Amino acid sequence: MKTQISIIGCGWLGLSLAQKLVEEDYTVNGSTTSKDKLQVLQKHRINPFLITLTETSISGSYSEFLTGSATVIINIPPGLRNNPNKNHVAEIKLLIYEIEKHGIKNVLYISSTSVFEDGQNFPVITDKIVPNTTSESGKQLIEIEQMLQANSNFKTTILRFGGLVGDERHPAKFLSGKTNISNPEAPINLIHKTDCLAIISSILKNKLWNITLNAAYPEHPNKDVYYVNYCKHHNLPLPKFNSSEKSKGKIIESKLVVQLLNYTFKVSP
């Protein structure tokens, strides 16, 4: 009998993850907030569910979506960029209640390295560093991480990714041609989608629960050098950086990913 997994949020990363897990012989329930995407999920042999989370309710066939799954992967960003007053914590509280009610054993929460504050001394962020951001989005992520970890009804692994990139998605395309870009000397902390999927798959295969992992590609060139070289290589208009102010940043260390998963990063961003 195949192991069933429910993925909440089949967006850019979640859809690719669901496809990979289907290929690895899991039964996958995938949620989306878009009716148009239901056929896309079905086409890839993912059981499609239209589910919407708000601060006060969950709509859709969420009970059917959760029933029969031992593991739930939560892969939905806070969304405060488009809705600054949104209470994402309240949304996840409702979801946690349903996860408890349906007897889910394991939760994998896809978080972000934005839970750590940048500094002028470019602090090295190890697995021992306590999240300390002052941004509203990051503070909500921290609160959600703590809620999940404190819950004794299921095991939780927190996986914090650096900036996500892929062949069809790269921040250099957004920065190309722009001027007065801040923090030119800050180290980059990016990770390719290929590595994200492989790390998640390895966590599931090795049943690594009740841990917290930070994951970014282990090379951290300066922001200005990296993005200018990328744009040159891809024949894009070059970005221009503001070097008049002291840069702030951080270096995300991924040694625990390498040690616990015996993982070697595959794709340079």
Protein backbone atom coordinates (compact mmCIF):
# COMPACT_ATOMS: atom_id res chain seq x y z
CA MET A 1 0.00 0.00 0.00
CA LYS A 2 1.35 3.41 -0.99
CA THR A 3 2.13 6.02 1.65
CA GLN A 4 -0.15 9.05 1.34
CA ILE A 5 1.10 12.61 1.84
CA SER A 6 -0.90 15.84 1.81
CA ILE A 7 0.79 18.99 0.47
CA ILE A 8 -0.86 22.26 1.46
CA GLY A 9 0.13 24.74 -1.22
CA CYS A 10 0.98 23.44 -4.70
CA GLY A 11 2.53 26.62 -6.04
CA TRP A 12 5.90 27.01 -7.77
CA LEU A 13 7.73 24.72 -5.33
CA GLY A 14 4.79 22.64 -4.11
CA LEU A 15 3.66 21.45 -7.55
CA SER A 16 7.16 20.26 -8.44
CA LEU A 17 7.42 18.57 -5.05
CA ALA A 18 4.09 16.79 -5.56
CA GLN A 19 5.24 15.58 -9.01
CA LYS A 20 8.49 14.26 -7.55
CA LEU A 21 6.73 12.41 -4.74
CA VAL A 22 4.28 10.82 -7.19
CA GLU A 23 7.29 9.63 -9.19
CA GLU A 24 8.70 8.18 -5.95
CA ASP A 25 5.50 6.13 -5.56
CA TYR A 26 3.72 8.18 -2.91
CA THR A 27 0.00 8.91 -3.14
CA VAL A 28 -0.18 12.71 -3.05
CA ASN A 29 -3.09 14.98 -2.14
CA GLY A 30 -2.35 18.51 -3.29
CA SER A 31 -4.19 21.71 -2.43
CA THR A 32 -4.59 24.87 -4.47
CA THR A 33 -6.64 28.06 -4.15
CA SER A 34 -7.18 28.25 -7.92
CA LYS A 35 -9.92 26.33 -9.74
CA ASP A 36 -7.87 26.55 -12.94
CA LYS A 37 -5.04 24.58 -11.32
CA LEU A 38 -7.16 21.55 -10.37
CA GLN A 39 -6.78 20.08 -13.85
CA VAL A 40 -3.03 20.70 -13.76
CA LEU A 41 -2.72 18.70 -10.53
CA GLN A 42 -4.88 15.90 -11.89
CA LYS A 43 -2.82 15.76 -15.08
CA HIS A 44 0.25 14.98 -12.93
CA ARG A 45 -1.57 12.23 -10.99
CA ILE A 46 -1.93 14.44 -7.91
CA ASN A 47 -5.28 14.21 -6.12
CA PRO A 48 -6.55 17.81 -6.45
CA PHE A 49 -8.29 19.78 -3.69
CA LEU A 50 -9.55 23.36 -3.74
CA ILE A 51 -8.85 24.65 -0.23
CA THR A 52 -8.70 28.22 1.06
CA LEU A 53 -7.39 29.32 4.45
CA THR A 54 -8.52 32.56 6.06
CA GLU A 55 -8.08 33.95 9.56
CA THR A 56 -11.53 32.68 10.56
CA SER A 57 -12.25 29.58 8.46
CA ILE A 58 -11.05 26.83 6.13
CA SER A 59 -13.15 26.23 3.03
CA GLY A 60 -13.12 23.24 0.72
CA SER A 61 -12.88 19.46 1.22
CA TYR A 62 -10.11 19.74 3.80
CA SER A 63 -11.29 16.71 5.79
CA GLU A 64 -11.02 14.46 2.74
CA PHE A 65 -7.70 16.11 1.90
CA LEU A 66 -6.21 15.20 5.30
CA THR A 67 -7.86 11.80 5.87
CA GLY A 68 -5.47 8.89 5.35
CA SER A 69 -2.26 10.93 5.33
CA ALA A 70 0.42 10.27 7.93
CA THR A 71 2.37 13.36 6.87
CA VAL A 72 1.34 16.90 5.96
CA ILE A 73 3.69 19.33 4.22
CA ILE A 74 2.77 22.99 4.82
CA ASN A 75 4.12 25.09 1.98
CA ILE A 76 2.28 28.41 2.03
CA PRO A 77 4.04 31.78 2.48
CA PRO A 78 2.67 34.45 4.84
CA GLY A 79 1.57 36.63 1.91
CA LEU A 80 2.11 39.90 3.74
CA ARG A 81 3.68 41.59 0.72
CA ASN A 82 0.27 41.79 -0.96
CA ASN A 83 -1.71 42.01 2.28
CA PRO A 84 0.37 43.74 4.99
CA ASN A 85 -2.34 43.42 7.66
CA LYS A 86 -2.87 39.69 7.18
CA ASN A 87 -2.77 37.42 10.23
CA HIS A 88 -1.10 34.31 8.79
CA VAL A 89 -0.62 32.88 12.29
CA ALA A 90 -4.41 32.71 12.76
CA GLU A 91 -4.72 30.81 9.47
CA ILE A 92 -2.19 28.20 10.54
CA LYS A 93 -3.81 27.87 13.99
CA LEU A 94 -7.00 26.72 12.27
CA LEU A 95 -5.02 24.31 10.15
CA ILE A 96 -3.20 22.88 13.18
CA TYR A 97 -6.57 22.17 14.83
CA GLU A 98 -7.64 20.13 11.79
CA ILE A 99 -4.27 18.35 11.61
CA GLU A 100 -4.73 17.29 15.25
CA LYS A 101 -8.32 16.20 14.65
CA HIS A 102 -7.35 13.99 11.70
CA GLY A 103 -4.57 12.19 13.56
CA ILE A 104 -1.68 13.40 11.38
CA LYS A 105 1.59 12.00 12.73
CA ASN A 106 4.18 14.24 11.04
CA VAL A 107 4.31 17.84 9.82
CA LEU A 108 6.99 19.29 7.57
CA TYR A 109 6.83 23.07 7.65
CA ILE A 110 8.55 24.95 4.83
CA SER A 111 9.77 28.14 6.44
CA SER A 112 12.39 30.71 5.40
CA THR A 113 15.81 31.95 6.45
CA SER A 114 14.17 35.39 6.64
CA VAL A 115 13.51 34.53 10.30
CA PHE A 116 17.09 35.69 10.91
CA GLU A 117 18.07 39.35 11.04
CA ASP A 118 20.71 40.79 8.71
CA GLY A 119 23.73 42.45 10.29
CA GLN A 120 26.62 44.65 9.18
CA ASN A 121 29.06 42.00 10.35
CA PHE A 122 27.34 39.35 8.16
CA PRO A 123 26.64 36.85 10.99
CA VAL A 124 27.03 33.17 10.20
CA ILE A 125 23.68 31.49 10.88
CA THR A 126 24.21 27.98 12.22
CA ASP A 127 21.59 25.53 13.46
CA LYS A 128 22.25 26.87 16.98
CA ILE A 129 21.20 30.45 16.21
CA VAL A 130 17.78 31.50 17.55
CA PRO A 131 15.53 33.32 15.02
CA ASN A 132 15.61 37.05 15.69
CA THR A 133 14.10 38.99 12.80
CA THR A 134 12.16 42.21 13.41
CA SER A 135 10.18 42.07 10.14
CA GLU A 136 6.45 41.39 10.51
CA SER A 137 6.47 38.54 8.00
CA GLY A 138 9.46 36.91 9.67
CA LYS A 139 7.95 37.30 13.14
CA GLN A 140 4.81 35.50 12.00
CA LEU A 141 6.94 32.66 10.61
CA ILE A 142 8.75 32.38 13.95
CA GLU A 143 5.45 32.21 15.85
CA ILE A 144 4.18 29.48 13.53
CA GLU A 145 7.40 27.48 13.92
CA GLN A 146 7.07 27.69 17.69
CA MET A 147 3.38 26.67 17.63
CA LEU A 148 4.14 23.59 15.58
CA GLN A 149 7.17 22.57 17.63
CA ALA A 150 5.25 22.96 20.89
CA ASN A 151 2.45 20.66 19.74
CA SER A 152 2.78 17.17 21.22
CA ASN A 153 0.09 15.60 19.00
CA PHE A 154 2.45 15.26 16.03
CA LYS A 155 6.15 15.47 15.18
CA THR A 156 7.36 18.58 13.38
CA THR A 157 10.40 19.28 11.22
CA ILE A 158 11.11 22.89 10.27
CA LEU A 159 12.90 23.40 6.96
CA ARG A 160 14.08 26.96 6.29
CA PHE A 161 15.13 27.64 2.70
CA GLY A 162 17.18 30.57 1.45
CA GLY A 163 16.04 32.45 -1.65
CA LEU A 164 14.43 30.01 -4.09
CA VAL A 165 15.67 29.94 -7.66
CA GLY A 166 15.02 27.74 -10.66
CA ASP A 167 15.62 27.64 -14.39
CA GLU A 168 12.43 29.64 -14.95
CA ARG A 169 12.67 31.83 -11.85
CA HIS A 170 15.62 33.91 -10.70
CA PRO A 171 15.87 37.19 -8.71
CA ALA A 172 18.48 38.51 -11.17
CA LYS A 173 15.71 38.90 -13.74
CA PHE A 174 13.92 41.23 -11.32
CA LEU A 175 17.09 43.19 -10.46
CA SER A 176 18.28 43.45 -14.08
CA GLY A 177 18.52 47.08 -15.21
CA LYS A 178 17.58 48.47 -11.81
CA THR A 179 19.67 51.16 -10.09
CA ASN A 180 20.49 52.17 -6.51
CA ILE A 181 20.18 48.58 -5.24
CA SER A 182 21.07 48.28 -1.56
CA ASN A 183 23.50 45.97 0.27
CA PRO A 184 26.00 45.31 -2.57
CA GLU A 185 28.50 43.53 -0.29
CA ALA A 186 25.93 41.27 1.37
CA PRO A 187 26.47 37.54 0.83
CA ILE A 188 23.82 35.75 -1.23
CA ASN A 189 21.88 32.84 0.28
CA LEU A 190 20.14 31.13 -2.61
CA ILE A 191 19.06 27.55 -3.24
CA HIS A 192 17.96 25.89 -6.47
CA LYS A 193 14.59 24.13 -6.64
CA THR A 194 16.34 20.86 -7.55
CA ASP A 195 18.14 20.87 -4.19
CA CYS A 196 14.96 21.86 -2.32
CA LEU A 197 13.09 18.86 -3.73
CA ALA A 198 15.92 16.44 -3.03
CA ILE A 199 16.28 17.65 0.58
CA ILE A 200 12.55 17.27 1.25
CA SER A 201 12.53 13.81 -0.31
CA SER A 202 15.47 12.79 1.85
CA ILE A 203 13.76 14.02 5.03
CA LEU A 204 10.71 11.90 4.20
CA LYS A 205 12.70 8.79 3.28
CA ASN A 206 14.85 9.00 6.41
CA LYS A 207 11.92 9.93 8.68
CA LEU A 208 13.82 12.89 10.14
CA TRP A 209 11.28 14.45 12.48
CA ASN A 210 11.55 16.91 15.35
CA ILE A 211 14.54 18.72 13.85
CA THR A 212 15.17 22.18 12.35
CA LEU A 213 17.26 22.65 9.21
CA ASN A 214 18.56 25.73 7.39
CA ALA A 215 19.30 25.19 3.70
CA ALA A 216 21.14 27.41 1.22
CA TYR A 217 23.82 26.70 -1.38
CA PRO A 218 27.19 26.63 0.45
CA GLU A 219 28.83 29.37 -1.66
CA HIS A 220 28.03 32.99 -0.75
CA PRO A 221 29.54 35.53 -3.16
CA ASN A 222 28.77 39.22 -2.70
CA LYS A 223 25.42 40.36 -4.03
CA ASP A 224 26.82 42.87 -6.53
CA VAL A 225 29.42 40.48 -7.98
CA TYR A 226 26.98 37.62 -8.24
CA TYR A 227 24.10 39.48 -9.90
CA VAL A 228 26.27 41.48 -12.30
CA ASN A 229 28.00 38.26 -13.45
CA TYR A 230 24.67 36.46 -13.80
CA CYS A 231 23.22 39.26 -15.93
CA LYS A 232 26.35 39.39 -18.09
CA HIS A 233 26.20 35.63 -18.65
CA HIS A 234 22.52 35.77 -19.61
CA ASN A 235 22.77 38.94 -21.73
CA LEU A 236 20.55 40.95 -19.39
CA PRO A 237 20.85 44.69 -18.60
CA LEU A 238 23.23 45.05 -15.67
CA PRO A 239 21.99 46.10 -12.24
CA LYS A 240 23.66 49.02 -10.46
CA PHE A 241 24.26 48.99 -6.72
CA ASN A 242 24.44 51.72 -4.10
CA SER A 243 27.82 51.41 -2.39
CA SER A 244 27.52 54.58 -0.32
CA GLU A 245 25.86 52.81 2.64
CA LYS A 246 27.19 50.00 4.79
CA SER A 247 25.80 46.66 3.62
CA LYS A 248 23.78 44.36 5.86
CA GLY A 249 23.42 40.63 5.38
CA LYS A 250 24.07 37.14 6.75
CA ILE A 251 25.56 33.80 5.78
CA ILE A 252 23.28 30.77 6.04
CA GLU A 253 25.23 27.66 7.01
CA SER A 254 23.77 24.32 5.87
CA LYS A 255 26.13 21.91 7.63
CA LEU A 256 23.32 20.08 9.43
CA VAL A 257 21.65 19.27 6.09
CA VAL A 258 24.95 17.79 4.90
CA GLN A 259 25.54 15.87 8.13
CA LEU A 260 22.07 14.46 8.86
CA LEU A 261 21.05 13.75 5.27
CA ASN A 262 24.51 12.97 3.92
CA TYR A 263 23.54 15.51 1.28
CA THR A 264 25.69 17.15 -1.37
CA PHE A 265 24.23 20.24 -3.03
CA LYS A 266 23.72 19.55 -6.72
CA VAL A 267 22.93 22.79 -8.53
CA SER A 268 24.64 26.14 -8.16
CA PRO A 269 22.13 29.01 -8.25
